[in-house]
Protein backbone atom coordinates (compact mmCIF):
# COMPACT_ATOMS: atom_id res chain seq x y z
CA MET A 1 37.98 57.93 18.33
CA LYS A 2 35.73 55.74 21.26
CA THR A 3 32.80 56.49 18.93
CA ILE A 4 33.91 54.81 16.23
CA LYS A 5 34.58 51.66 17.97
CA ASN A 6 31.62 51.95 19.42
CA ILE A 7 29.73 52.29 15.99
CA TYR A 8 31.99 49.54 14.89
CA ASN A 9 30.79 47.00 18.03
CA VAL A 10 27.36 47.93 16.91
CA PHE A 11 27.47 47.02 13.57
CA TYR A 12 29.56 43.91 14.25
CA VAL A 13 27.02 42.68 16.54
CA THR A 14 23.83 43.43 14.61
CA VAL A 15 26.21 41.83 11.24
CA SER A 16 26.50 39.01 13.39
CA VAL A 17 22.63 38.75 14.60
CA LEU A 18 21.79 38.21 10.80
CA LEU A 19 24.36 35.74 9.60
CA ILE A 20 23.16 33.57 12.87
CA GLY A 21 19.22 34.47 11.54
CA VAL A 22 20.47 33.94 7.89
CA LEU A 23 22.00 30.50 8.63
CA PHE A 24 19.28 29.47 11.38
CA SER A 25 16.92 30.13 8.68
CA CYS A 26 18.77 27.90 6.16
CA SER A 27 18.89 25.55 8.76
CA SER A 28 15.67 25.25 9.38
CA ALA A 29 14.30 25.12 5.67
CA ASN A 30 17.03 22.13 5.57
CA LYS A 31 15.05 20.41 8.35
CA LYS A 32 11.84 21.25 7.29
CA ARG A 33 9.12 19.00 7.90
CA PRO A 34 8.12 17.03 4.48
CA ASN A 35 4.61 17.26 3.19
CA ILE A 36 3.51 12.84 2.91
CA VAL A 37 1.80 10.67 0.41
CA PHE A 38 0.53 7.53 0.51
CA ILE A 39 -0.64 5.73 -1.91
CA LEU A 40 -1.87 2.79 -1.24
CA ALA A 41 -3.28 -0.43 -4.13
CA ASP A 42 -5.92 -2.96 -4.20
CA ASP A 43 -5.05 -6.66 -4.00
CA LEU A 44 -1.95 -5.99 -6.71
CA GLY A 45 0.19 -8.50 -7.27
CA TYR A 46 4.11 -8.41 -6.57
CA SER A 47 5.73 -8.18 -9.81
CA ASP A 48 2.95 -6.11 -11.88
CA ILE A 49 3.97 -2.36 -12.00
CA GLY A 50 7.56 -2.01 -14.27
CA CYS A 51 9.77 -1.72 -12.01
CA TYR A 52 8.95 -5.51 -10.32
CA GLY A 53 8.92 -6.63 -13.67
CA GLY A 54 6.18 -6.47 -14.95
CA GLU A 55 5.27 -5.86 -18.82
CA ILE A 56 2.85 -3.17 -17.44
CA SER A 57 3.49 0.46 -18.21
CA THR A 58 4.33 2.38 -15.26
CA PRO A 59 6.16 5.20 -16.20
CA ASN A 60 5.34 6.88 -13.50
CA LEU A 61 6.11 4.39 -10.71
CA ASP A 62 8.79 3.68 -12.40
CA ARG A 63 9.69 7.06 -12.42
CA LEU A 64 10.20 7.13 -8.49
CA ALA A 65 11.82 3.73 -8.26
CA GLU A 66 14.59 5.55 -10.36
CA GLU A 67 15.02 8.61 -7.94
CA GLY A 68 14.28 6.46 -5.23
CA ILE A 69 14.00 3.22 -2.87
CA ARG A 70 12.50 0.41 -3.68
CA PHE A 71 11.76 -2.49 -1.00
CA THR A 72 11.36 -6.57 -2.09
CA GLN A 73 10.41 -7.84 1.53
CA ILE A 74 8.55 -5.48 2.80
CA HIS A 75 4.85 -7.19 4.38
CA ASN A 76 1.50 -6.21 4.71
CA THR A 77 -1.37 -8.89 6.45
CA SER A 78 -2.43 -10.78 2.81
CA LYS A 79 -6.36 -8.89 3.38
CA CYS A 80 -7.28 -5.53 3.22
CA PHE A 81 -9.02 -4.60 6.42
CA PRO A 82 -6.48 -5.70 8.34
CA SER A 83 -3.62 -4.43 6.02
CA ARG A 84 -4.80 -0.71 6.07
CA ALA A 85 -5.81 -0.94 9.89
CA CYS A 86 -2.04 -1.74 10.82
CA LEU A 87 -1.10 1.27 8.54
CA LEU A 88 -3.41 3.86 9.74
CA THR A 89 -2.70 3.00 13.12
CA GLY A 90 0.60 1.34 13.72
CA LEU A 91 -0.79 -1.72 15.47
CA TYR A 92 -1.61 -5.31 14.53
CA ALA A 93 -5.12 -6.04 13.28
CA GLN A 94 -5.69 -8.29 16.25
CA GLN A 95 -4.90 -5.35 18.43
CA CYS A 96 -6.76 -2.98 17.81
CA GLY A 97 -9.62 -5.18 16.30
CA TYR A 98 -10.02 -5.37 13.12
CA ASP A 99 -8.37 -9.37 12.76
CA LYS A 100 -11.38 -10.36 12.16
CA THR A 101 -13.93 -7.75 10.59
CA PRO A 102 -14.16 -3.92 9.78
CA THR A 103 -17.67 -3.85 11.14
CA ARG A 104 -16.47 -2.25 14.66
CA PRO A 105 -14.62 0.94 15.40
CA LEU A 106 -11.34 1.07 16.02
CA LYS A 107 -10.07 0.49 19.19
CA ASN A 108 -6.95 1.60 21.65
CA ALA A 109 -5.24 3.08 18.86
CA VAL A 110 -5.00 6.35 17.04
CA THR A 111 -4.69 7.09 13.40
CA LEU A 112 -2.35 8.24 10.78
CA GLY A 113 -4.21 11.54 10.27
CA GLU A 114 -5.10 12.12 14.35
CA VAL A 115 -1.37 11.85 14.33
CA LEU A 116 -0.20 14.72 11.68
CA ARG A 117 -3.41 16.43 12.34
CA ALA A 118 -2.32 17.10 16.24
CA ALA A 119 1.21 17.76 14.92
CA GLY A 120 0.51 20.57 12.43
CA TYR A 121 -0.20 18.95 9.49
CA ARG A 122 -3.38 19.16 7.23
CA THR A 123 -4.30 15.68 6.88
CA LEU A 124 -6.29 14.55 3.54
CA PHE A 125 -7.58 11.33 2.39
CA SER A 126 -8.91 10.31 -0.42
CA GLY A 127 -10.54 6.99 -1.54
CA LYS A 128 -10.54 3.18 -0.01
CA HIS A 129 -11.31 2.32 3.46
CA HIS A 130 -12.42 -0.75 4.15
CA GLY A 131 -13.68 0.15 7.95
CA VAL A 132 -17.01 1.06 10.11
CA ASP A 133 -15.34 4.85 11.12
CA ASN A 134 -15.38 7.76 8.78
CA PRO A 135 -11.90 9.07 7.99
CA TYR A 136 -13.54 12.68 8.51
CA ASP A 137 -14.15 12.00 12.30
CA ARG A 138 -11.07 10.00 12.49
CA GLY A 139 -8.49 12.78 12.16
CA PHE A 140 -8.51 13.50 8.48
CA ASP A 141 -9.48 17.43 7.74
CA ARG A 142 -10.74 15.88 3.92
CA TYR A 143 -12.36 12.73 2.99
CA PHE A 144 -13.37 11.52 0.17
CA GLY A 145 -14.11 7.86 -0.56
CA LEU A 146 -15.32 4.17 -0.47
CA ARG A 147 -16.09 3.92 3.45
CA ASP A 148 -16.91 -0.02 1.99
CA GLY A 149 -14.98 -3.08 0.34
CA CYS A 150 -15.22 -2.34 -3.13
CA CYS A 151 -17.52 -1.63 -6.06
CA ASN A 152 -17.91 -0.71 -9.62
CA TYR A 153 -16.06 1.50 -10.62
CA PHE A 154 -18.24 3.15 -13.45
CA ASN A 155 -20.97 3.51 -11.34
CA PRO A 156 -20.75 2.56 -7.60
CA GLY A 157 -24.54 2.80 -7.26
CA ARG A 158 -28.17 2.55 -8.26
CA GLN A 159 -28.63 2.38 -11.97
CA ARG A 160 -28.48 5.97 -13.71
CA ALA A 161 -31.02 6.83 -16.03
CA GLY A 162 -30.29 5.48 -19.77
CA GLU A 163 -27.72 3.21 -18.51
CA SER A 164 -27.82 -0.28 -18.12
CA LYS A 165 -27.84 -1.51 -14.34
CA PRO A 166 -23.94 -1.77 -13.57
CA ALA A 167 -22.76 -4.85 -11.90
CA GLN A 168 -22.14 -4.89 -8.35
CA LYS A 169 -22.00 -7.68 -5.29
CA ARG A 170 -24.06 -4.91 -3.44
CA SER A 171 -26.55 -2.02 -4.44
CA ASP A 172 -25.97 -0.10 -1.03
CA ARG A 173 -21.84 0.04 -0.32
CA VAL A 174 -21.14 2.71 1.86
CA TRP A 175 -19.10 6.00 0.86
CA CYS A 176 -17.94 9.38 2.41
CA ILE A 177 -17.97 13.42 1.18
CA ASP A 178 -16.38 14.55 4.70
CA ASP A 179 -19.49 14.24 6.99
CA LYS A 180 -21.78 13.16 4.84
CA VAL A 181 -22.02 9.25 4.27
CA TYR A 182 -23.95 8.08 1.31
CA LYS A 183 -25.88 4.85 1.31
CA PRO A 184 -25.39 3.65 -1.18
CA TYR A 185 -23.31 6.55 -3.93
CA THR A 186 -24.55 6.85 -7.00
CA PRO A 187 -22.69 9.51 -8.93
CA PRO A 188 -23.70 12.26 -11.07
CA GLU A 189 -21.30 12.85 -13.39
CA LYS A 190 -21.34 10.08 -16.02
CA ASP A 191 -17.50 9.89 -16.49
CA PHE A 192 -17.00 8.32 -12.85
CA TYR A 193 -14.50 5.71 -12.35
CA THR A 194 -13.06 5.38 -9.25
CA THR A 195 -9.37 6.09 -9.94
CA ASP A 196 -9.84 9.07 -11.42
CA TYR A 197 -12.38 10.71 -9.13
CA PHE A 198 -10.16 9.39 -6.45
CA THR A 199 -7.42 11.51 -7.52
CA LYS A 200 -9.71 14.59 -8.82
CA TYR A 201 -10.71 15.15 -5.34
CA ALA A 202 -6.98 14.82 -3.94
CA LEU A 203 -5.87 17.52 -6.90
CA ASP A 204 -8.94 19.77 -5.86
CA TRP A 205 -7.42 19.87 -2.56
CA LEU A 206 -3.98 20.45 -2.70
CA GLU A 207 -5.20 23.32 -5.01
CA GLU A 208 -7.71 24.92 -2.23
CA TYR A 209 -4.27 24.56 0.15
CA LYS A 210 -1.54 25.21 -1.76
CA GLU A 211 -1.35 28.95 -0.35
CA GLU A 212 -1.91 27.38 3.38
CA ASP A 213 1.68 27.79 5.74
CA LYS A 214 1.72 24.39 7.04
CA PRO A 215 3.08 20.83 5.21
CA PHE A 216 -0.11 18.42 3.82
CA PHE A 217 -0.58 14.41 4.32
CA LEU A 218 -2.20 12.37 1.31
CA TYR A 219 -3.03 9.29 1.62
CA LEU A 220 -4.63 7.98 -1.71
CA ALA A 221 -5.88 4.66 -1.46
CA TYR A 222 -6.65 3.00 -4.86
CA THR A 223 -9.72 0.59 -5.47
CA ALA A 224 -7.52 -0.56 -8.60
CA PRO A 225 -7.00 -2.95 -9.29
CA HIS A 226 -9.46 -5.00 -7.15
CA ASP A 227 -12.56 -6.60 -9.14
CA PRO A 228 -14.90 -5.55 -11.13
CA LEU A 229 -12.45 -5.94 -14.01
CA GLN A 230 -13.36 -2.00 -14.99
CA ALA A 231 -11.38 -0.12 -16.94
CA TRP A 232 -11.81 2.57 -20.13
CA PRO A 233 -11.78 1.07 -23.45
CA LYS A 234 -9.01 2.76 -24.77
CA ASP A 235 -6.41 1.63 -21.84
CA ILE A 236 -7.88 -2.10 -22.26
CA ASN A 237 -6.71 -1.81 -25.78
CA LYS A 238 -3.10 -1.46 -25.24
CA TYR A 239 -3.20 -4.78 -24.23
CA ARG A 240 -5.52 -7.07 -26.06
CA GLY A 241 -3.50 -9.84 -27.80
CA LYS A 242 -0.12 -9.22 -25.09
CA TYR A 243 -1.34 -11.85 -23.16
CA MET A 244 -2.07 -14.44 -25.73
CA VAL A 245 1.65 -16.01 -24.87
CA GLY A 246 -0.38 -17.71 -21.93
CA TYR A 247 1.15 -18.01 -18.00
CA GLU A 248 3.90 -19.59 -18.64
CA ALA A 249 5.69 -17.65 -20.62
CA ILE A 250 4.79 -14.18 -19.05
CA ARG A 251 5.94 -15.64 -15.28
CA LYS A 252 9.05 -16.51 -17.52
CA LYS A 253 9.46 -13.27 -18.75
CA ARG A 254 8.88 -11.58 -15.64
CA PHE A 255 11.22 -13.90 -13.67
CA GLU A 256 13.77 -12.37 -15.89
CA LYS A 257 13.67 -9.25 -16.16
CA GLN A 258 13.15 -8.85 -11.64
CA LYS A 259 16.44 -10.66 -12.18
CA GLU A 260 17.94 -8.07 -14.91
CA ILE A 261 17.43 -5.50 -13.18
CA GLY A 262 18.77 -6.46 -9.95
CA LEU A 263 15.69 -6.63 -7.93
CA LEU A 264 16.69 -10.47 -6.89
CA GLY A 265 18.71 -11.80 -6.33
CA ASP A 266 20.23 -15.53 -6.99
CA ASN A 267 18.31 -16.50 -3.55
CA TYR A 268 15.10 -16.41 -5.49
CA VAL A 269 13.98 -19.03 -7.32
CA LEU A 270 10.18 -19.63 -8.79
CA SER A 271 8.00 -20.89 -6.37
CA GLU A 272 6.13 -23.62 -7.75
CA PRO A 273 4.02 -22.86 -10.42
CA THR A 274 -0.07 -23.54 -9.51
CA TYR A 275 -1.64 -22.20 -12.47
CA HIS A 276 -3.07 -24.67 -15.76
CA SER A 277 -1.72 -25.60 -18.58
CA TRP A 278 -1.57 -22.87 -21.36
CA ASP A 279 -2.27 -25.27 -24.35
CA SER A 280 -5.45 -26.96 -22.54
CA LEU A 281 -6.87 -24.44 -22.50
CA SER A 282 -9.36 -24.22 -26.14
CA ASP A 283 -9.17 -20.83 -28.16
CA LYS A 284 -12.04 -19.60 -26.89
CA GLU A 285 -10.82 -19.96 -23.22
CA LYS A 286 -7.60 -18.60 -24.18
CA ILE A 287 -8.98 -15.02 -25.41
CA LYS A 288 -11.07 -14.46 -22.67
CA GLU A 289 -8.04 -14.89 -20.17
CA ASP A 290 -5.93 -12.47 -22.51
CA LEU A 291 -9.07 -10.03 -22.10
CA LYS A 292 -8.91 -9.99 -18.46
CA MET A 293 -5.73 -9.59 -17.84
CA ALA A 294 -5.35 -6.72 -20.31
CA VAL A 295 -8.62 -5.44 -18.35
CA TYR A 296 -6.45 -6.10 -15.40
CA ALA A 297 -3.42 -4.35 -16.24
CA ALA A 298 -5.15 -1.57 -18.36
CA MET A 299 -7.07 -0.22 -14.25
CA ILE A 300 -3.10 -0.53 -13.21
CA ASP A 301 -1.84 1.54 -16.13
CA ARG A 302 -5.11 4.21 -15.04
CA MET A 303 -4.15 4.02 -11.45
CA ASP A 304 0.36 4.60 -12.68
CA GLN A 305 -1.40 7.49 -14.63
CA ASN A 306 -3.28 8.92 -11.71
CA ILE A 307 -0.11 8.75 -10.01
CA GLY A 308 1.08 11.47 -13.01
CA LYS A 309 -1.43 13.75 -12.21
CA ILE A 310 -0.75 13.87 -8.46
CA LEU A 311 3.39 14.12 -9.49
CA ARG A 312 2.41 16.70 -11.61
CA LYS A 313 -0.05 18.68 -9.70
CA ILE A 314 3.44 18.46 -6.73
CA ARG A 315 6.08 19.84 -8.84
CA ASN A 316 3.89 22.83 -10.31
CA LEU A 317 2.87 23.97 -6.06
CA ASN A 318 7.29 23.58 -6.38
CA LYS A 319 6.68 21.12 -3.06
CA LEU A 320 8.33 18.30 -4.70
CA GLU A 321 12.05 18.36 -3.84
CA ASN A 322 10.17 17.85 0.06
CA THR A 323 7.54 15.43 -0.22
CA LEU A 324 7.76 11.95 1.09
CA ILE A 325 6.20 9.80 -1.15
CA ILE A 326 5.22 5.94 -0.48
CA PHE A 327 3.57 2.88 -2.85
CA ALA A 328 2.60 -0.63 -1.87
CA SER A 329 0.01 -2.29 -2.36
CA ASP A 330 -2.90 -3.56 1.09
CA ASN A 331 -1.48 -7.66 -0.11
CA GLY A 332 -0.37 -9.91 -2.96
CA CYS A 333 -3.28 -9.90 -6.55
CA SER A 334 -6.44 -12.32 -5.98
CA ALA A 335 -7.02 -15.61 -6.29
CA GLU A 336 -10.61 -14.92 -5.57
CA SER A 337 -13.49 -15.54 -8.14
CA VAL A 338 -16.95 -13.92 -8.07
CA HIS A 339 -19.86 -14.60 -9.99
CA ILE A 340 -22.39 -12.46 -11.12
CA PRO A 341 -24.65 -13.30 -13.76
CA GLY A 342 -24.17 -9.80 -15.53
CA SER A 343 -24.19 -8.71 -19.55
CA GLY A 344 -21.65 -6.82 -21.62
CA GLU A 345 -18.07 -7.32 -22.41
CA ILE A 346 -15.76 -8.50 -19.46
CA GLY A 347 -14.21 -4.76 -18.59
CA SER A 348 -17.25 -3.16 -19.08
CA MET A 349 -19.87 -1.16 -16.20
CA THR A 350 -22.30 -4.23 -16.43
CA ARG A 351 -20.23 -7.38 -15.84
CA TRP A 352 -18.63 -8.31 -12.66
CA THR A 353 -14.88 -9.93 -13.55
CA SER A 354 -12.16 -11.31 -11.15
CA LEU A 355 -8.51 -12.03 -12.67
CA GLY A 356 -8.47 -15.82 -11.42
CA ARG A 357 -6.31 -18.16 -10.04
CA ASN A 358 -4.32 -18.67 -13.01
CA TRP A 359 -3.25 -14.72 -13.15
CA ALA A 360 -3.09 -14.16 -10.26
CA ASN A 361 -0.08 -16.51 -9.81
CA VAL A 362 1.65 -14.48 -12.37
CA SER A 363 1.03 -11.73 -10.78
CA ASN A 364 2.77 -12.78 -7.87
CA THR A 365 6.02 -14.27 -9.20
CA PRO A 366 8.01 -15.36 -8.43
CA LEU A 367 6.28 -15.49 -4.68
CA ARG A 368 4.07 -18.62 -3.74
CA TYR A 369 0.96 -18.81 -3.45
CA TYR A 370 -1.53 -15.57 -3.60
CA LYS A 371 -3.84 -13.02 -1.42
CA ASN A 372 -5.24 -14.44 2.27
CA TYR A 373 -1.97 -16.79 2.90
CA SER A 374 0.51 -15.63 4.90
CA TYR A 375 2.77 -16.69 2.24
CA GLU A 376 4.58 -14.46 0.63
CA GLY A 377 2.62 -13.87 -2.60
CA GLY A 378 -0.36 -13.56 0.10
CA ILE A 379 1.76 -11.19 2.33
CA CYS A 380 4.56 -8.90 0.39
CA THR A 381 3.90 -5.93 -1.16
CA PRO A 382 6.23 -4.06 -3.22
CA MET A 383 7.33 -0.76 -1.86
CA ILE A 384 8.67 2.56 -3.39
CA VAL A 385 10.20 5.43 -1.59
CA TYR A 386 10.71 9.09 -3.12
CA TRP A 387 11.45 11.50 -0.89
CA PRO A 388 14.42 13.87 -2.91
CA SER A 389 15.29 16.25 0.48
CA GLY A 390 15.35 12.99 2.32
CA VAL A 391 16.46 9.56 0.52
CA LYS A 392 19.93 9.24 0.36
CA GLY A 393 21.47 8.02 -2.89
CA LYS A 394 18.93 6.93 -5.96
CA ASN A 395 17.42 3.76 -7.63
CA ARG A 396 19.02 2.24 -4.60
CA ILE A 397 17.12 -1.68 -3.20
CA SER A 398 16.62 -2.95 0.21
CA ASN A 399 16.52 -6.04 1.44
CA PHE A 400 15.29 -5.27 5.18
CA ARG A 401 12.05 -6.64 6.58
CA GLY A 402 9.49 -4.70 7.54
CA HIS A 403 5.66 -4.51 7.57
CA PHE A 404 3.39 -1.49 7.80
CA ILE A 405 2.78 -1.11 11.19
CA ASP A 406 5.84 0.10 10.64
CA ILE A 407 4.96 3.10 8.97
CA MET A 408 3.36 5.04 12.10
CA ALA A 409 7.03 4.29 13.48
CA THR A 410 8.95 6.30 10.61
CA LEU A 411 5.89 8.87 9.81
CA ILE A 412 6.46 9.99 14.31
CA ASP A 413 10.10 9.99 13.73
CA ILE A 414 10.50 12.03 10.40
CA THR A 415 7.46 14.37 11.68
CA LYS A 416 8.38 14.72 14.81
CA ALA A 417 4.65 14.23 15.72
CA GLU A 418 3.75 12.86 19.48
CA TYR A 419 2.45 9.74 19.68
CA PRO A 420 -0.48 9.84 23.18
CA GLU A 421 -0.75 7.65 25.71
CA GLU A 422 -4.15 8.37 25.83
CA PHE A 423 -6.91 9.06 22.87
CA ASN A 424 -10.22 10.56 23.62
CA GLY A 425 -10.42 9.03 27.10
CA GLU A 426 -8.99 5.60 25.53
CA LYS A 427 -5.70 4.67 26.66
CA ILE A 428 -3.66 4.02 23.26
CA ILE A 429 -1.82 -0.05 22.34
CA PRO A 430 1.62 1.74 21.61
CA TYR A 431 2.57 1.20 17.65
CA GLN A 432 4.72 -1.51 17.01
CA GLY A 433 6.93 -0.84 14.54
CA VAL A 434 10.51 0.68 13.77
CA SER A 435 10.85 3.53 12.24
CA LEU A 436 12.09 3.36 8.60
CA LEU A 437 14.04 6.34 8.22
CA PRO A 438 17.57 5.11 9.41
CA ILE A 439 17.42 2.91 5.59
CA PHE A 440 15.99 5.87 3.35
CA GLU A 441 19.64 7.97 5.32
CA GLY A 442 21.12 4.83 3.70
CA LYS A 443 22.52 3.22 7.10
CA LYS A 444 21.88 -0.22 7.58
CA MET A 445 19.27 -2.20 10.06
CA LYS A 446 18.23 -5.39 11.29
CA ARG A 447 15.14 -5.95 12.94
CA LYS A 448 15.64 -7.58 16.45
CA LYS A 449 11.60 -8.97 17.28
CA PRO A 450 9.68 -11.85 15.54
CA LEU A 451 6.74 -10.49 13.16
CA PHE A 452 3.81 -12.02 13.16
CA TYR A 453 0.66 -12.60 11.14
CA GLU A 454 -2.53 -14.27 11.28
CA TRP A 455 -5.84 -13.73 8.41
CA TRP A 456 -8.51 -16.56 8.93
CA ARG A 457 -6.63 -19.75 7.68
CA GLY A 458 -3.50 -18.59 7.06
CA ARG A 459 -0.86 -17.99 10.48
CA ALA A 460 3.41 -16.65 10.49
CA VAL A 461 5.65 -15.68 12.46
CA MET A 462 9.53 -14.11 10.61
CA SER A 463 12.16 -13.90 13.05
CA GLY A 464 15.57 -13.61 11.84
CA LYS A 465 16.60 -16.05 8.87
CA TRP A 466 13.46 -18.47 9.61
CA LYS A 467 9.84 -17.91 9.06
CA ILE A 468 7.54 -20.52 10.48
CA VAL A 469 3.85 -20.11 7.91
CA ALA A 470 1.18 -22.49 7.94
CA ASP A 471 -2.52 -22.87 5.73
CA GLY A 472 -5.58 -23.54 8.48
CA ASN A 473 -5.20 -23.52 12.09
CA ASN A 474 -4.81 -27.10 12.28
CA LYS A 475 -1.88 -27.61 9.96
CA PRO A 476 1.51 -28.03 10.93
CA TRP A 477 3.55 -25.08 10.59
CA ASP A 478 5.92 -25.16 7.22
CA LEU A 479 9.62 -23.70 8.30
CA TYR A 480 11.55 -21.98 5.67
CA ASN A 481 14.54 -20.30 5.95
CA ILE A 482 13.53 -17.16 3.96
CA ASN A 483 16.92 -15.53 3.48
CA LYS A 484 17.90 -18.57 1.45
CA ASP A 485 15.17 -19.49 -0.05
CA PRO A 486 12.48 -15.82 0.17
CA SER A 487 9.90 -18.35 -2.67
CA GLU A 488 9.50 -20.92 0.06
CA THR A 489 10.48 -24.38 -1.77
CA LYS A 490 12.37 -25.81 0.98
CA ASN A 491 9.71 -27.11 3.85
CA LEU A 492 12.81 -27.26 6.91
CA SER A 493 10.89 -27.94 9.69
CA ALA A 494 11.57 -31.86 9.93
CA GLN A 495 15.04 -30.64 10.44
CA PHE A 496 14.90 -27.59 12.38
CA PRO A 497 11.70 -28.95 14.78
CA GLU A 498 13.27 -27.08 17.43
CA ILE A 499 12.92 -24.04 15.40
CA VAL A 500 9.51 -24.38 14.97
CA LYS A 501 8.59 -24.93 18.70
CA LYS A 502 10.20 -21.78 19.58
CA LEU A 503 8.67 -19.66 16.72
CA ASP A 504 4.92 -21.45 18.18
CA LYS A 505 5.16 -20.18 20.95
CA ALA A 506 6.09 -16.83 19.94
CA PHE A 507 3.23 -17.50 18.14
CA ARG A 508 1.12 -18.36 20.57
CA GLU A 509 2.20 -15.96 23.38
CA TRP A 510 1.43 -12.97 20.76
CA GLN A 511 -2.18 -14.17 20.15
CA ARG A 512 -2.77 -13.90 24.04
CA LYS A 513 -1.26 -10.67 24.55
CA CYS A 514 -3.17 -8.84 21.78
CA ASN A 515 -6.44 -10.69 23.24
CA SER A 516 -5.39 -9.42 26.57
CA GLU A 517 -5.37 -6.11 24.81
CA LEU A 518 -8.35 -6.32 23.01
CA ASN A 519 -10.56 -7.26 25.56
CA ARG A 520 -9.18 -5.55 28.70
């Protein structure tokens, strides 16, 4: 009898241990760190994609939005390279040396690649970097892409045999493939198109490392739809003629859609238009403007097609459920116009064309101004967050006011990675942002510290409901109640000079702090 009882006790303990192990295993699986994909567009307008009001076909991004969260007030710095520096480091560009030029190494900082690789992630980067560091040397196991600012989509390098000369600002754009640096890079593939090949390399890596027992971090930074306006003819043909109705009609339709789908509330109104009257254009000018916007739309369409390929690949690997996907743009649509002599039709390899101020105003509907400005049209980006096992609820809209500096804090919070005090013998500035994870989980957040912006002539401070902003160092501050007036239509600086003075003081103190940190 005693022996039977002992056997029973041993059996009971064994089963209990096994059950506890199973429960622990399930709990661990539920808390398994996610794969992470951050997709960055270049010069994309606030209203360009379908789920933010646009008429351009973006079914894959729209699907991510339907299953996740759309943010209405996430901010960048209004310019490519400082925005990317904020995103990669969690610091303001003024703290890591990327506030004025991308021609020196990142200072005072670690990158997302370095932080996540140390935490056990496979780190992959395909696309545009816009800096002097090779990402392969800054924490990324693999890198393929443009280390430079912009390039010809069909051929970023020298003229190839049997082809016409590609339209370029410069022919010596820097390109990297892992540790190899090319200046210039002339792709041998005749079907080369940056958007397609950035995706191709990413897909190849996902296949190569599919059996690894570690999560991956993929940073996929497209150059689309930055100029030059260049796209495949079959994509362009989908949109030709659709924009002959003109600037005002497209802008009005986008704004109506933004309200209908619940993206924007009644506090949003259309900012003052800056486009020309469509009726003042000649028939020839209208046809040209229609084609420019058709090519621009085709570039965004092609980007979405490639995002679809990434989603299908991750799904086929049975990893989509626990993959966090974030999509954003590095600044608002650009009003810059680059004039380079060239032949061929708009959209082709031999022609460099810019979208221009008129359509840029439409692309940033309903916000004020465009890239390079610290008004909302320059700094406010669409941002979609999708994570089936981590985002609570579907088709949610968040009005939380965030910034690219928040991405480092968010990913550290999610992955429990460690942020170092020193790296390679250099003291590191603590990241500046806040984690957005509570919002992913359906909780409410309120930002406590001000946000600061400074690029070229633009500067701004956001604190609570207030925003001061100026265009030009010698220009007076505008003041807006950004909660009631996110389109920045009513300047309240004369009514609340004490608020302007308080935020101006905060801006000056922030400038001095950043300058001291950079030059320590």
